[in-house]
Each structure stands twice: as structure tokens, then as C-alpha cells.
Amino acid sequence: KEIDGPRENLHPLLDLIIKNGSCFIEGNLVKTDIGITKNKISHIGNLENENSNKIYDAENLIVLPGCLDTQVHFREPGSTDAEDLNSGSRAAIVGGITGVFEMPNTNPLTITPETIADKLKRASKGAWSDYAFYLGGTMRTSSNLSEWENLKGVCGIKIFMGASTGDLMTASDEEVESVVANGHRVI
């Protein structure tokens, strides 16, 4: 719960104070305060004499940083009967996952700027968490990867070397080399 505004006679040092929460510190669950400055944890410990424009009381709560799930399969578009960006990201949030990286094996495949733009549009309307998307690395698209891997919303390039759907299978040495030679980010 939010505690009313800054305390009198103190100058705000922190952007946010989370008071009385239980945090894992050196392997132990410890009741403490957390100070946030410019969206980063800047203080851990007793902040009773500090001030902030926002103070939240986390009494009886465990405070954890959000985690990333770097391999989700939400199946949107193409197979939303299994899961979609809304339901998958909502489930992620409930489990403490604040950001997801979604795989490209959807229908259509996420292998072009147009399919990345479509995913971003869909996610902007229904995702509960932060999100990014893998661009599928294939022989057919490899010559464009050095440009396309820098598109907004792309977190990296995914190569499917075992089994996959559609044209995502990239199993031969020649196919893998064409992707690796042109992609420079996380592959």
C-alpha cells in the first residue's frame, strides 16, 4: 500500500522507498527497506530517516526483482487456441516474470520486418509484461539479418537446428553459416 507523500522537513533523496518488505539477502529472507533512484536499487537497509516522493509499505510481502523468461511460445498469430500474448504474459506476471522473449515459430513465421511489426502491434494491445521477439534466422532471410536484427522489438536471432515449423528449419552447415555470418547480436 502507498504511504502518503514525502515526510515533512526531509529532502527527497530517493524516487521510491519500499518499506518493511522481506528480501533475500545473502541467502536469507530479511525484513528491510529498499531505496530506488532512477529506476535502480540504490539503497538496501533501514531507510527510516530517508525521504521519497513515493513510499510503499510491503509489510508481510516478499520483494523480489522481476525475472525474464527468454524463451516463451505464445503462438500468436496462428495458434492462439494454445496461448496468446495476453494470456501468456498475464501468466508470466503472476509467476514473477516481468519480461518475455517470444520465439518466432508462429504462423506466419516471425522472419521479416512486417512480421515483427505485427507482433509489436499485437503485444501493444494485450501484453501484461515487457516483451521482445526473436527474429527467425533462415537461409532465405540471412542476407538481411544484419539490418533486421536491429529492428525495434527484436531481442535476437533464433536458429532452429532440430525440428521446427515451416521454413524455420536451418540444419545444414551452409544454412547455419549463412545466419551466423550475417547476424551480430544474440544468435
N, C-alpha and C. Protein backbone atom coordinates (compact mmCIF):
# COMPACT_ATOMS: atom_id res chain seq x y z
N LYS A 1 0.85 -1.18 0.00
CA LYS A 1 0.00 0.00 0.00
C LYS A 1 0.88 1.23 0.00
N GLU A 2 0.40 2.28 -0.63
CA GLU A 2 1.17 3.52 -0.71
C GLU A 2 0.98 4.31 0.57
N ILE A 3 2.08 4.84 1.08
CA ILE A 3 2.05 5.71 2.25
C ILE A 3 2.04 7.13 1.72
N ASP A 4 1.22 7.99 2.32
CA ASP A 4 1.07 9.36 1.83
C ASP A 4 2.39 10.10 1.73
N GLY A 5 2.62 10.71 0.56
CA GLY A 5 3.68 11.64 0.20
C GLY A 5 4.93 11.71 1.05
N PRO A 6 5.79 12.68 0.73
CA PRO A 6 7.05 12.83 1.45
C PRO A 6 6.82 13.31 2.88
N ARG A 7 7.70 12.89 3.76
CA ARG A 7 7.63 13.35 5.14
C ARG A 7 8.16 14.77 5.25
N GLU A 8 7.57 15.53 6.13
CA GLU A 8 7.96 16.93 6.29
C GLU A 8 9.39 17.07 6.78
N ASN A 9 10.00 18.18 6.42
CA ASN A 9 11.34 18.56 6.87
C ASN A 9 12.45 17.66 6.34
N LEU A 10 12.14 16.74 5.45
CA LEU A 10 13.17 15.92 4.84
C LEU A 10 13.20 16.21 3.35
N HIS A 11 14.38 16.22 2.77
CA HIS A 11 14.50 16.45 1.34
C HIS A 11 14.47 15.12 0.61
N PRO A 12 13.61 15.00 -0.43
CA PRO A 12 13.56 13.71 -1.15
C PRO A 12 14.92 13.36 -1.76
N LEU A 13 15.44 12.21 -1.38
CA LEU A 13 16.69 11.70 -1.93
C LEU A 13 16.40 10.58 -2.92
N LEU A 14 15.39 9.80 -2.62
CA LEU A 14 15.08 8.60 -3.40
C LEU A 14 13.79 8.81 -4.19
N ASP A 15 13.69 8.14 -5.32
CA ASP A 15 12.47 8.20 -6.12
C ASP A 15 11.36 7.35 -5.51
N LEU A 16 11.76 6.27 -4.85
CA LEU A 16 10.80 5.33 -4.25
C LEU A 16 11.47 4.64 -3.07
N ILE A 17 10.71 4.46 -2.00
CA ILE A 17 11.14 3.62 -0.88
C ILE A 17 10.11 2.52 -0.72
N ILE A 18 10.58 1.28 -0.70
CA ILE A 18 9.74 0.12 -0.40
C ILE A 18 10.12 -0.28 1.02
N LYS A 19 9.20 -0.07 1.97
CA LYS A 19 9.47 -0.28 3.39
C LYS A 19 8.95 -1.63 3.86
N ASN A 20 9.66 -2.21 4.82
CA ASN A 20 9.18 -3.37 5.59
C ASN A 20 9.01 -4.65 4.79
N GLY A 21 9.60 -4.74 3.60
CA GLY A 21 9.46 -5.95 2.80
C GLY A 21 10.48 -7.00 3.21
N SER A 22 10.19 -8.23 2.92
CA SER A 22 11.14 -9.32 3.15
C SER A 22 11.88 -9.57 1.84
N CYS A 23 13.22 -9.55 1.91
CA CYS A 23 14.06 -9.70 0.73
C CYS A 23 15.10 -10.79 0.97
N PHE A 24 15.46 -11.51 -0.07
CA PHE A 24 16.54 -12.48 0.04
C PHE A 24 17.87 -11.74 -0.05
N ILE A 25 18.63 -11.77 1.02
CA ILE A 25 19.94 -11.13 1.08
C ILE A 25 20.93 -12.16 1.59
N GLU A 26 21.93 -12.46 0.76
CA GLU A 26 22.95 -13.46 1.09
C GLU A 26 22.31 -14.78 1.53
N GLY A 27 21.24 -15.18 0.82
CA GLY A 27 20.61 -16.47 1.06
C GLY A 27 19.60 -16.51 2.19
N ASN A 28 19.37 -15.37 2.85
CA ASN A 28 18.43 -15.33 3.96
C ASN A 28 17.29 -14.36 3.65
N LEU A 29 16.11 -14.69 4.13
CA LEU A 29 14.96 -13.81 3.98
C LEU A 29 15.01 -12.80 5.12
N VAL A 30 15.21 -11.52 4.78
CA VAL A 30 15.45 -10.46 5.76
C VAL A 30 14.42 -9.35 5.56
N LYS A 31 13.84 -8.87 6.65
CA LYS A 31 12.93 -7.73 6.58
C LYS A 31 13.78 -6.46 6.49
N THR A 32 13.56 -5.67 5.42
CA THR A 32 14.39 -4.49 5.21
C THR A 32 13.65 -3.49 4.32
N ASP A 33 14.28 -2.36 4.10
CA ASP A 33 13.76 -1.34 3.20
C ASP A 33 14.62 -1.30 1.95
N ILE A 34 14.02 -0.88 0.85
CA ILE A 34 14.75 -0.76 -0.42
C ILE A 34 14.52 0.64 -0.96
N GLY A 35 15.61 1.30 -1.34
CA GLY A 35 15.51 2.62 -1.96
C GLY A 35 15.80 2.53 -3.44
N ILE A 36 15.00 3.22 -4.23
CA ILE A 36 15.13 3.22 -5.69
C ILE A 36 15.46 4.64 -6.15
N THR A 37 16.50 4.76 -6.98
CA THR A 37 16.87 6.03 -7.58
C THR A 37 17.06 5.80 -9.08
N LYS A 38 16.37 6.57 -9.89
CA LYS A 38 16.46 6.46 -11.36
C LYS A 38 16.24 5.02 -11.83
N ASN A 39 15.20 4.38 -11.28
CA ASN A 39 14.78 3.03 -11.66
C ASN A 39 15.78 1.94 -11.30
N LYS A 40 16.70 2.21 -10.38
CA LYS A 40 17.66 1.20 -9.93
C LYS A 40 17.69 1.16 -8.42
N ILE A 41 17.92 -0.04 -7.88
CA ILE A 41 18.08 -0.17 -6.44
C ILE A 41 19.34 0.59 -6.04
N SER A 42 19.20 1.56 -5.15
CA SER A 42 20.35 2.35 -4.73
C SER A 42 20.68 2.18 -3.25
N HIS A 43 19.71 1.71 -2.45
CA HIS A 43 19.93 1.54 -1.02
C HIS A 43 19.17 0.30 -0.54
N ILE A 44 19.79 -0.46 0.32
CA ILE A 44 19.13 -1.58 0.99
C ILE A 44 19.47 -1.46 2.47
N GLY A 45 18.46 -1.45 3.30
CA GLY A 45 18.68 -1.32 4.74
C GLY A 45 17.65 -0.39 5.34
N ASN A 46 17.88 0.03 6.57
CA ASN A 46 16.94 0.89 7.27
C ASN A 46 16.92 2.27 6.62
N LEU A 47 15.77 2.64 6.08
CA LEU A 47 15.62 3.94 5.43
C LEU A 47 14.63 4.83 6.19
N GLU A 48 14.49 4.58 7.49
CA GLU A 48 13.56 5.33 8.32
C GLU A 48 13.80 6.83 8.27
N ASN A 49 15.05 7.24 8.15
CA ASN A 49 15.37 8.67 8.15
C ASN A 49 15.54 9.24 6.75
N GLU A 50 15.18 8.47 5.74
CA GLU A 50 15.25 8.95 4.36
C GLU A 50 13.86 9.35 3.89
N ASN A 51 13.83 10.08 2.81
CA ASN A 51 12.56 10.56 2.29
C ASN A 51 12.45 10.24 0.80
N SER A 52 11.24 10.19 0.34
CA SER A 52 10.97 9.90 -1.05
C SER A 52 9.61 10.49 -1.41
N ASN A 53 9.41 10.74 -2.69
CA ASN A 53 8.10 11.19 -3.15
C ASN A 53 7.08 10.07 -3.11
N LYS A 54 7.54 8.82 -3.19
CA LYS A 54 6.65 7.67 -3.11
C LYS A 54 7.22 6.69 -2.10
N ILE A 55 6.35 6.25 -1.21
CA ILE A 55 6.74 5.26 -0.20
C ILE A 55 5.66 4.19 -0.19
N TYR A 56 6.07 2.93 -0.36
CA TYR A 56 5.15 1.80 -0.32
C TYR A 56 5.48 0.93 0.87
N ASP A 57 4.44 0.50 1.56
CA ASP A 57 4.61 -0.41 2.69
C ASP A 57 4.42 -1.84 2.17
N ALA A 58 5.47 -2.65 2.26
CA ALA A 58 5.43 -4.03 1.78
C ALA A 58 5.38 -5.02 2.95
N GLU A 59 4.80 -4.58 4.07
CA GLU A 59 4.66 -5.44 5.26
C GLU A 59 4.00 -6.76 4.86
N ASN A 60 4.58 -7.87 5.33
CA ASN A 60 4.09 -9.23 5.07
C ASN A 60 4.20 -9.65 3.61
N LEU A 61 5.03 -8.95 2.82
CA LEU A 61 5.23 -9.31 1.42
C LEU A 61 6.70 -9.64 1.18
N ILE A 62 6.94 -10.51 0.23
CA ILE A 62 8.31 -10.79 -0.21
C ILE A 62 8.56 -9.93 -1.44
N VAL A 63 9.66 -9.19 -1.43
CA VAL A 63 10.00 -8.29 -2.52
C VAL A 63 11.13 -8.93 -3.32
N LEU A 64 10.88 -9.18 -4.59
CA LEU A 64 11.86 -9.78 -5.49
C LEU A 64 11.97 -8.93 -6.74
N PRO A 65 13.15 -8.91 -7.37
CA PRO A 65 13.23 -8.24 -8.67
C PRO A 65 12.48 -9.07 -9.70
N GLY A 66 12.01 -8.43 -10.74
CA GLY A 66 11.35 -9.17 -11.81
C GLY A 66 12.35 -10.01 -12.57
N CYS A 67 11.91 -11.12 -13.11
CA CYS A 67 12.77 -12.02 -13.87
C CYS A 67 12.36 -11.98 -15.34
N LEU A 68 13.27 -12.40 -16.22
CA LEU A 68 13.00 -12.51 -17.64
C LEU A 68 12.87 -13.97 -18.03
N ASP A 69 11.91 -14.28 -18.85
CA ASP A 69 11.81 -15.60 -19.47
C ASP A 69 12.21 -15.41 -20.92
N THR A 70 13.38 -15.92 -21.26
CA THR A 70 13.94 -15.65 -22.59
C THR A 70 13.53 -16.67 -23.65
N GLN A 71 12.58 -17.54 -23.33
CA GLN A 71 12.09 -18.48 -24.34
C GLN A 71 10.64 -18.85 -24.07
N VAL A 72 9.74 -18.04 -24.62
CA VAL A 72 8.32 -18.35 -24.50
C VAL A 72 7.74 -18.62 -25.88
N HIS A 73 6.69 -19.41 -25.90
CA HIS A 73 5.99 -19.77 -27.14
C HIS A 73 4.52 -19.43 -26.96
N PHE A 74 4.15 -18.19 -27.24
CA PHE A 74 2.78 -17.76 -27.05
C PHE A 74 1.88 -18.08 -28.25
N ARG A 75 2.46 -18.41 -29.38
CA ARG A 75 1.71 -18.90 -30.55
C ARG A 75 0.78 -17.89 -31.19
N GLU A 76 1.10 -16.61 -31.01
CA GLU A 76 0.30 -15.58 -31.69
C GLU A 76 1.18 -14.86 -32.69
N PRO A 77 0.73 -14.79 -33.93
CA PRO A 77 -0.51 -15.28 -34.50
C PRO A 77 -0.42 -16.76 -34.89
N GLY A 78 -1.57 -17.32 -35.21
CA GLY A 78 -1.61 -18.62 -35.85
C GLY A 78 -2.17 -19.75 -35.02
N SER A 79 -1.93 -19.75 -33.72
CA SER A 79 -2.41 -20.86 -32.90
C SER A 79 -2.81 -20.35 -31.52
N THR A 80 -3.62 -19.30 -31.51
CA THR A 80 -3.99 -18.68 -30.25
C THR A 80 -4.90 -19.55 -29.40
N ASP A 81 -5.37 -20.66 -29.96
CA ASP A 81 -6.14 -21.60 -29.14
C ASP A 81 -5.25 -22.23 -28.07
N ALA A 82 -3.94 -22.29 -28.33
CA ALA A 82 -2.99 -22.83 -27.35
C ALA A 82 -2.62 -21.76 -26.32
N GLU A 83 -2.29 -20.56 -26.80
CA GLU A 83 -1.95 -19.44 -25.92
C GLU A 83 -1.74 -18.22 -26.81
N ASP A 84 -1.91 -17.04 -26.22
CA ASP A 84 -1.65 -15.81 -26.97
C ASP A 84 -0.82 -14.86 -26.11
N LEU A 85 -0.49 -13.71 -26.66
CA LEU A 85 0.36 -12.75 -25.94
C LEU A 85 -0.31 -12.28 -24.65
N ASN A 86 -1.61 -12.09 -24.67
CA ASN A 86 -2.32 -11.64 -23.48
C ASN A 86 -2.28 -12.70 -22.38
N SER A 87 -2.75 -13.90 -22.68
CA SER A 87 -2.83 -14.93 -21.64
C SER A 87 -1.44 -15.39 -21.19
N GLY A 88 -0.51 -15.49 -22.12
CA GLY A 88 0.84 -15.93 -21.77
C GLY A 88 1.59 -14.92 -20.92
N SER A 89 1.49 -13.65 -21.27
CA SER A 89 2.19 -12.62 -20.49
C SER A 89 1.52 -12.40 -19.14
N ARG A 90 0.21 -12.57 -19.10
CA ARG A 90 -0.50 -12.46 -17.83
C ARG A 90 -0.07 -13.57 -16.88
N ALA A 91 0.04 -14.77 -17.39
CA ALA A 91 0.53 -15.90 -16.57
C ALA A 91 1.97 -15.65 -16.12
N ALA A 92 2.77 -15.08 -17.01
CA ALA A 92 4.16 -14.78 -16.65
C ALA A 92 4.21 -13.81 -15.47
N ILE A 93 3.42 -12.75 -15.52
CA ILE A 93 3.39 -11.76 -14.44
C ILE A 93 3.03 -12.42 -13.11
N VAL A 94 2.04 -13.29 -13.13
CA VAL A 94 1.62 -13.97 -11.90
C VAL A 94 2.79 -14.77 -11.31
N GLY A 95 3.66 -15.29 -12.17
CA GLY A 95 4.81 -16.06 -11.71
C GLY A 95 6.06 -15.23 -11.45
N GLY A 96 5.96 -13.90 -11.49
CA GLY A 96 7.11 -13.05 -11.20
C GLY A 96 7.99 -12.74 -12.40
N ILE A 97 7.51 -13.09 -13.58
CA ILE A 97 8.25 -12.80 -14.81
C ILE A 97 7.76 -11.46 -15.34
N THR A 98 8.66 -10.48 -15.43
CA THR A 98 8.24 -9.14 -15.85
C THR A 98 8.59 -8.84 -17.30
N GLY A 99 9.34 -9.73 -17.95
CA GLY A 99 9.68 -9.56 -19.35
C GLY A 99 9.80 -10.90 -20.04
N VAL A 100 9.30 -10.99 -21.27
CA VAL A 100 9.33 -12.24 -22.03
C VAL A 100 9.95 -12.00 -23.40
N PHE A 101 10.69 -13.01 -23.89
CA PHE A 101 11.24 -13.02 -25.25
C PHE A 101 10.55 -14.16 -25.98
N GLU A 102 9.77 -13.82 -26.99
CA GLU A 102 8.93 -14.82 -27.66
C GLU A 102 9.59 -15.38 -28.90
N MET A 103 9.41 -16.66 -29.12
CA MET A 103 10.01 -17.39 -30.23
C MET A 103 9.30 -17.10 -31.56
N PRO A 104 10.00 -17.30 -32.68
CA PRO A 104 9.46 -16.92 -33.98
C PRO A 104 8.62 -17.98 -34.69
N ASN A 105 8.44 -19.16 -34.07
CA ASN A 105 7.73 -20.22 -34.79
C ASN A 105 6.22 -20.10 -34.60
N THR A 106 5.70 -19.04 -35.22
CA THR A 106 4.27 -18.77 -35.26
C THR A 106 3.82 -18.86 -36.71
N ASN A 107 2.56 -18.60 -36.95
CA ASN A 107 2.05 -18.65 -38.31
C ASN A 107 1.33 -17.34 -38.62
N PRO A 108 1.93 -16.44 -39.41
CA PRO A 108 3.17 -16.65 -40.16
C PRO A 108 4.40 -16.57 -39.25
N LEU A 109 5.50 -17.10 -39.78
CA LEU A 109 6.77 -17.10 -39.07
C LEU A 109 7.23 -15.66 -38.83
N THR A 110 7.91 -15.44 -37.73
CA THR A 110 8.45 -14.11 -37.43
C THR A 110 9.85 -14.03 -38.01
N ILE A 111 9.91 -13.67 -39.31
CA ILE A 111 11.20 -13.68 -40.01
C ILE A 111 11.43 -12.43 -40.85
N THR A 112 10.51 -11.46 -40.80
CA THR A 112 10.63 -10.26 -41.62
C THR A 112 10.28 -9.02 -40.79
N PRO A 113 10.62 -7.83 -41.28
CA PRO A 113 10.21 -6.62 -40.57
C PRO A 113 8.68 -6.53 -40.42
N GLU A 114 7.95 -6.99 -41.40
CA GLU A 114 6.49 -6.92 -41.34
C GLU A 114 5.94 -7.81 -40.23
N THR A 115 6.51 -9.01 -40.07
CA THR A 115 6.00 -9.89 -39.02
C THR A 115 6.43 -9.41 -37.62
N ILE A 116 7.58 -8.77 -37.51
CA ILE A 116 7.98 -8.16 -36.23
C ILE A 116 7.02 -7.01 -35.91
N ALA A 117 6.72 -6.16 -36.90
CA ALA A 117 5.79 -5.04 -36.69
C ALA A 117 4.42 -5.56 -36.25
N ASP A 118 3.97 -6.66 -36.86
CA ASP A 118 2.69 -7.24 -36.49
C ASP A 118 2.71 -7.71 -35.03
N LYS A 119 3.79 -8.37 -34.62
CA LYS A 119 3.91 -8.84 -33.23
C LYS A 119 3.89 -7.65 -32.26
N LEU A 120 4.62 -6.59 -32.59
CA LEU A 120 4.66 -5.42 -31.73
C LEU A 120 3.27 -4.80 -31.59
N LYS A 121 2.54 -4.73 -32.69
CA LYS A 121 1.18 -4.18 -32.66
C LYS A 121 0.27 -5.04 -31.78
N ARG A 122 0.36 -6.35 -31.95
CA ARG A 122 -0.46 -7.26 -31.15
C ARG A 122 -0.11 -7.13 -29.66
N ALA A 123 1.18 -7.11 -29.36
CA ALA A 123 1.62 -7.03 -27.96
C ALA A 123 1.21 -5.71 -27.32
N SER A 124 1.24 -4.63 -28.09
CA SER A 124 0.88 -3.32 -27.53
C SER A 124 -0.58 -3.27 -27.10
N LYS A 125 -1.39 -4.15 -27.64
CA LYS A 125 -2.82 -4.16 -27.32
C LYS A 125 -3.17 -5.11 -26.18
N GLY A 126 -2.27 -6.04 -25.83
CA GLY A 126 -2.72 -7.02 -24.85
C GLY A 126 -1.68 -7.60 -23.92
N ALA A 127 -0.41 -7.26 -24.08
CA ALA A 127 0.61 -7.87 -23.22
C ALA A 127 0.60 -7.22 -21.84
N TRP A 128 0.80 -8.03 -20.83
CA TRP A 128 0.83 -7.57 -19.45
C TRP A 128 2.25 -7.30 -18.97
N SER A 129 3.23 -7.86 -19.65
CA SER A 129 4.63 -7.73 -19.25
C SER A 129 5.40 -6.98 -20.33
N ASP A 130 6.66 -6.71 -20.04
CA ASP A 130 7.54 -6.22 -21.09
C ASP A 130 7.76 -7.37 -22.06
N TYR A 131 8.14 -7.07 -23.29
CA TYR A 131 8.25 -8.11 -24.30
C TYR A 131 9.27 -7.72 -25.36
N ALA A 132 9.81 -8.76 -26.00
CA ALA A 132 10.65 -8.61 -27.19
C ALA A 132 10.48 -9.91 -27.98
N PHE A 133 10.95 -9.89 -29.22
CA PHE A 133 10.71 -11.03 -30.10
C PHE A 133 11.99 -11.47 -30.80
N TYR A 134 12.14 -12.78 -30.90
CA TYR A 134 13.24 -13.33 -31.69
C TYR A 134 12.85 -13.28 -33.16
N LEU A 135 13.82 -12.94 -33.97
CA LEU A 135 13.68 -13.00 -35.42
C LEU A 135 14.22 -14.35 -35.86
N GLY A 136 13.45 -15.09 -36.64
CA GLY A 136 13.90 -16.40 -37.10
C GLY A 136 15.04 -16.26 -38.09
N GLY A 137 16.14 -16.96 -37.83
CA GLY A 137 17.29 -16.94 -38.73
C GLY A 137 17.21 -18.10 -39.71
N THR A 138 17.07 -17.79 -40.98
CA THR A 138 16.96 -18.82 -42.02
C THR A 138 17.89 -18.48 -43.17
N MET A 139 18.15 -19.46 -44.01
CA MET A 139 18.96 -19.24 -45.21
C MET A 139 18.32 -18.17 -46.09
N ARG A 140 16.98 -18.21 -46.18
CA ARG A 140 16.25 -17.29 -47.04
C ARG A 140 16.37 -15.84 -46.58
N THR A 141 16.46 -15.60 -45.27
CA THR A 141 16.50 -14.23 -44.75
C THR A 141 17.89 -13.81 -44.29
N SER A 142 18.86 -14.69 -44.37
CA SER A 142 20.17 -14.42 -43.76
C SER A 142 20.85 -13.16 -44.29
N SER A 143 20.70 -12.85 -45.57
CA SER A 143 21.38 -11.67 -46.11
C SER A 143 20.84 -10.36 -45.53
N ASN A 144 19.66 -10.39 -44.94
CA ASN A 144 19.05 -9.19 -44.34
C ASN A 144 19.24 -9.09 -42.83
N LEU A 145 19.80 -10.11 -42.22
CA LEU A 145 19.82 -10.16 -40.76
C LEU A 145 20.61 -9.03 -40.11
N SER A 146 21.69 -8.60 -40.72
CA SER A 146 22.48 -7.53 -40.08
C SER A 146 21.67 -6.24 -39.95
N GLU A 147 20.71 -6.05 -40.83
CA GLU A 147 19.82 -4.88 -40.72
C GLU A 147 18.61 -5.20 -39.85
N TRP A 148 17.97 -6.32 -40.11
CA TRP A 148 16.72 -6.65 -39.44
C TRP A 148 16.88 -6.96 -37.95
N GLU A 149 18.05 -7.45 -37.55
CA GLU A 149 18.24 -7.78 -36.14
C GLU A 149 18.22 -6.54 -35.25
N ASN A 150 18.33 -5.35 -35.84
CA ASN A 150 18.30 -4.10 -35.09
C ASN A 150 16.93 -3.42 -35.08
N LEU A 151 15.94 -4.10 -35.61
CA LEU A 151 14.59 -3.54 -35.61
C LEU A 151 14.07 -3.40 -34.18
N LYS A 152 13.24 -2.42 -33.97
CA LYS A 152 12.58 -2.25 -32.67
C LYS A 152 11.86 -3.54 -32.31
N GLY A 153 12.05 -3.98 -31.08
CA GLY A 153 11.35 -5.17 -30.58
C GLY A 153 12.09 -6.47 -30.78
N VAL A 154 13.20 -6.48 -31.52
CA VAL A 154 13.96 -7.72 -31.75
C VAL A 154 15.00 -7.89 -30.65
N CYS A 155 14.96 -9.04 -29.97
CA CYS A 155 15.91 -9.30 -28.90
C CYS A 155 17.07 -10.18 -29.37
N GLY A 156 16.95 -10.80 -30.51
CA GLY A 156 18.00 -11.66 -31.02
C GLY A 156 17.50 -12.48 -32.20
N ILE A 157 18.36 -13.38 -32.65
CA ILE A 157 18.03 -14.26 -33.79
C ILE A 157 17.96 -15.68 -33.27
N LYS A 158 16.94 -16.40 -33.66
CA LYS A 158 16.76 -17.78 -33.24
C LYS A 158 16.96 -18.70 -34.44
N ILE A 159 17.87 -19.67 -34.28
CA ILE A 159 18.08 -20.69 -35.30
C ILE A 159 17.48 -21.99 -34.78
N PHE A 160 16.64 -22.62 -35.59
CA PHE A 160 16.09 -23.93 -35.26
C PHE A 160 16.89 -24.98 -36.04
N MET A 161 17.69 -25.75 -35.33
CA MET A 161 18.57 -26.72 -35.99
C MET A 161 18.07 -28.15 -35.84
N GLY A 162 17.00 -28.35 -35.11
CA GLY A 162 16.44 -29.69 -34.93
C GLY A 162 15.15 -29.80 -35.68
N ALA A 163 14.06 -29.50 -34.98
CA ALA A 163 12.75 -29.54 -35.62
C ALA A 163 12.08 -28.19 -35.43
N SER A 164 11.28 -27.81 -36.41
CA SER A 164 10.50 -26.58 -36.29
C SER A 164 9.40 -26.59 -37.32
N THR A 165 8.74 -25.45 -37.43
CA THR A 165 7.62 -25.33 -38.34
C THR A 165 8.03 -24.55 -39.59
N GLY A 166 7.36 -24.81 -40.68
CA GLY A 166 7.57 -24.07 -41.91
C GLY A 166 9.02 -24.00 -42.35
N ASP A 167 9.45 -22.83 -42.78
CA ASP A 167 10.79 -22.63 -43.30
C ASP A 167 11.82 -22.28 -42.23
N LEU A 168 11.51 -22.50 -40.97
CA LEU A 168 12.46 -22.13 -39.91
C LEU A 168 13.60 -23.14 -39.74
N MET A 169 13.44 -24.34 -40.25
CA MET A 169 14.48 -25.35 -40.09
C MET A 169 15.76 -24.90 -40.79
N THR A 170 16.84 -24.82 -40.02
CA THR A 170 18.15 -24.39 -40.52
C THR A 170 19.16 -25.41 -40.03
N ALA A 171 19.27 -26.53 -40.72
CA ALA A 171 20.03 -27.65 -40.19
C ALA A 171 21.39 -27.87 -40.84
N SER A 172 21.55 -27.51 -42.09
CA SER A 172 22.83 -27.81 -42.75
C SER A 172 23.90 -26.81 -42.33
N ASP A 173 25.15 -27.19 -42.47
CA ASP A 173 26.26 -26.30 -42.14
C ASP A 173 26.16 -25.00 -42.95
N GLU A 174 25.81 -25.12 -44.22
CA GLU A 174 25.71 -23.95 -45.08
C GLU A 174 24.64 -22.98 -44.58
N GLU A 175 23.49 -23.53 -44.16
CA GLU A 175 22.40 -22.68 -43.66
C GLU A 175 22.81 -21.98 -42.36
N VAL A 176 23.40 -22.72 -41.44
CA VAL A 176 23.82 -22.14 -40.16
C VAL A 176 24.89 -21.08 -40.40
N GLU A 177 25.86 -21.37 -41.25
CA GLU A 177 26.92 -20.40 -41.55
C GLU A 177 26.36 -19.12 -42.16
N SER A 178 25.33 -19.22 -42.99
CA SER A 178 24.76 -18.03 -43.61
C SER A 178 24.10 -17.13 -42.56
N VAL A 179 23.48 -17.72 -41.56
CA VAL A 179 22.86 -16.94 -40.50
C VAL A 179 23.94 -16.32 -39.60
N VAL A 180 24.88 -17.13 -39.17
CA VAL A 180 25.92 -16.65 -38.25
C VAL A 180 26.80 -15.58 -38.91
N ALA A 181 27.04 -15.69 -40.20
CA ALA A 181 27.87 -14.71 -40.91
C ALA A 181 27.20 -13.34 -41.01
N ASN A 182 25.86 -13.32 -40.92
CA ASN A 182 25.15 -12.06 -41.12
C ASN A 182 24.52 -11.48 -39.84
N GLY A 183 24.35 -12.28 -38.84
CA GLY A 183 23.80 -11.80 -37.58
C GLY A 183 24.93 -11.47 -36.63
N HIS A 184 24.78 -10.39 -35.88
CA HIS A 184 25.85 -9.97 -34.98
C HIS A 184 25.39 -9.85 -33.55
N ARG A 185 24.12 -9.92 -33.29
CA ARG A 185 23.60 -9.84 -31.94
C ARG A 185 23.51 -11.24 -31.36
N VAL A 186 22.66 -11.45 -30.39
CA VAL A 186 22.48 -12.77 -29.79
C VAL A 186 21.87 -13.70 -30.83
N ILE A 187 22.54 -14.81 -31.09
CA ILE A 187 22.01 -15.81 -32.03
C ILE A 187 21.85 -17.11 -31.27
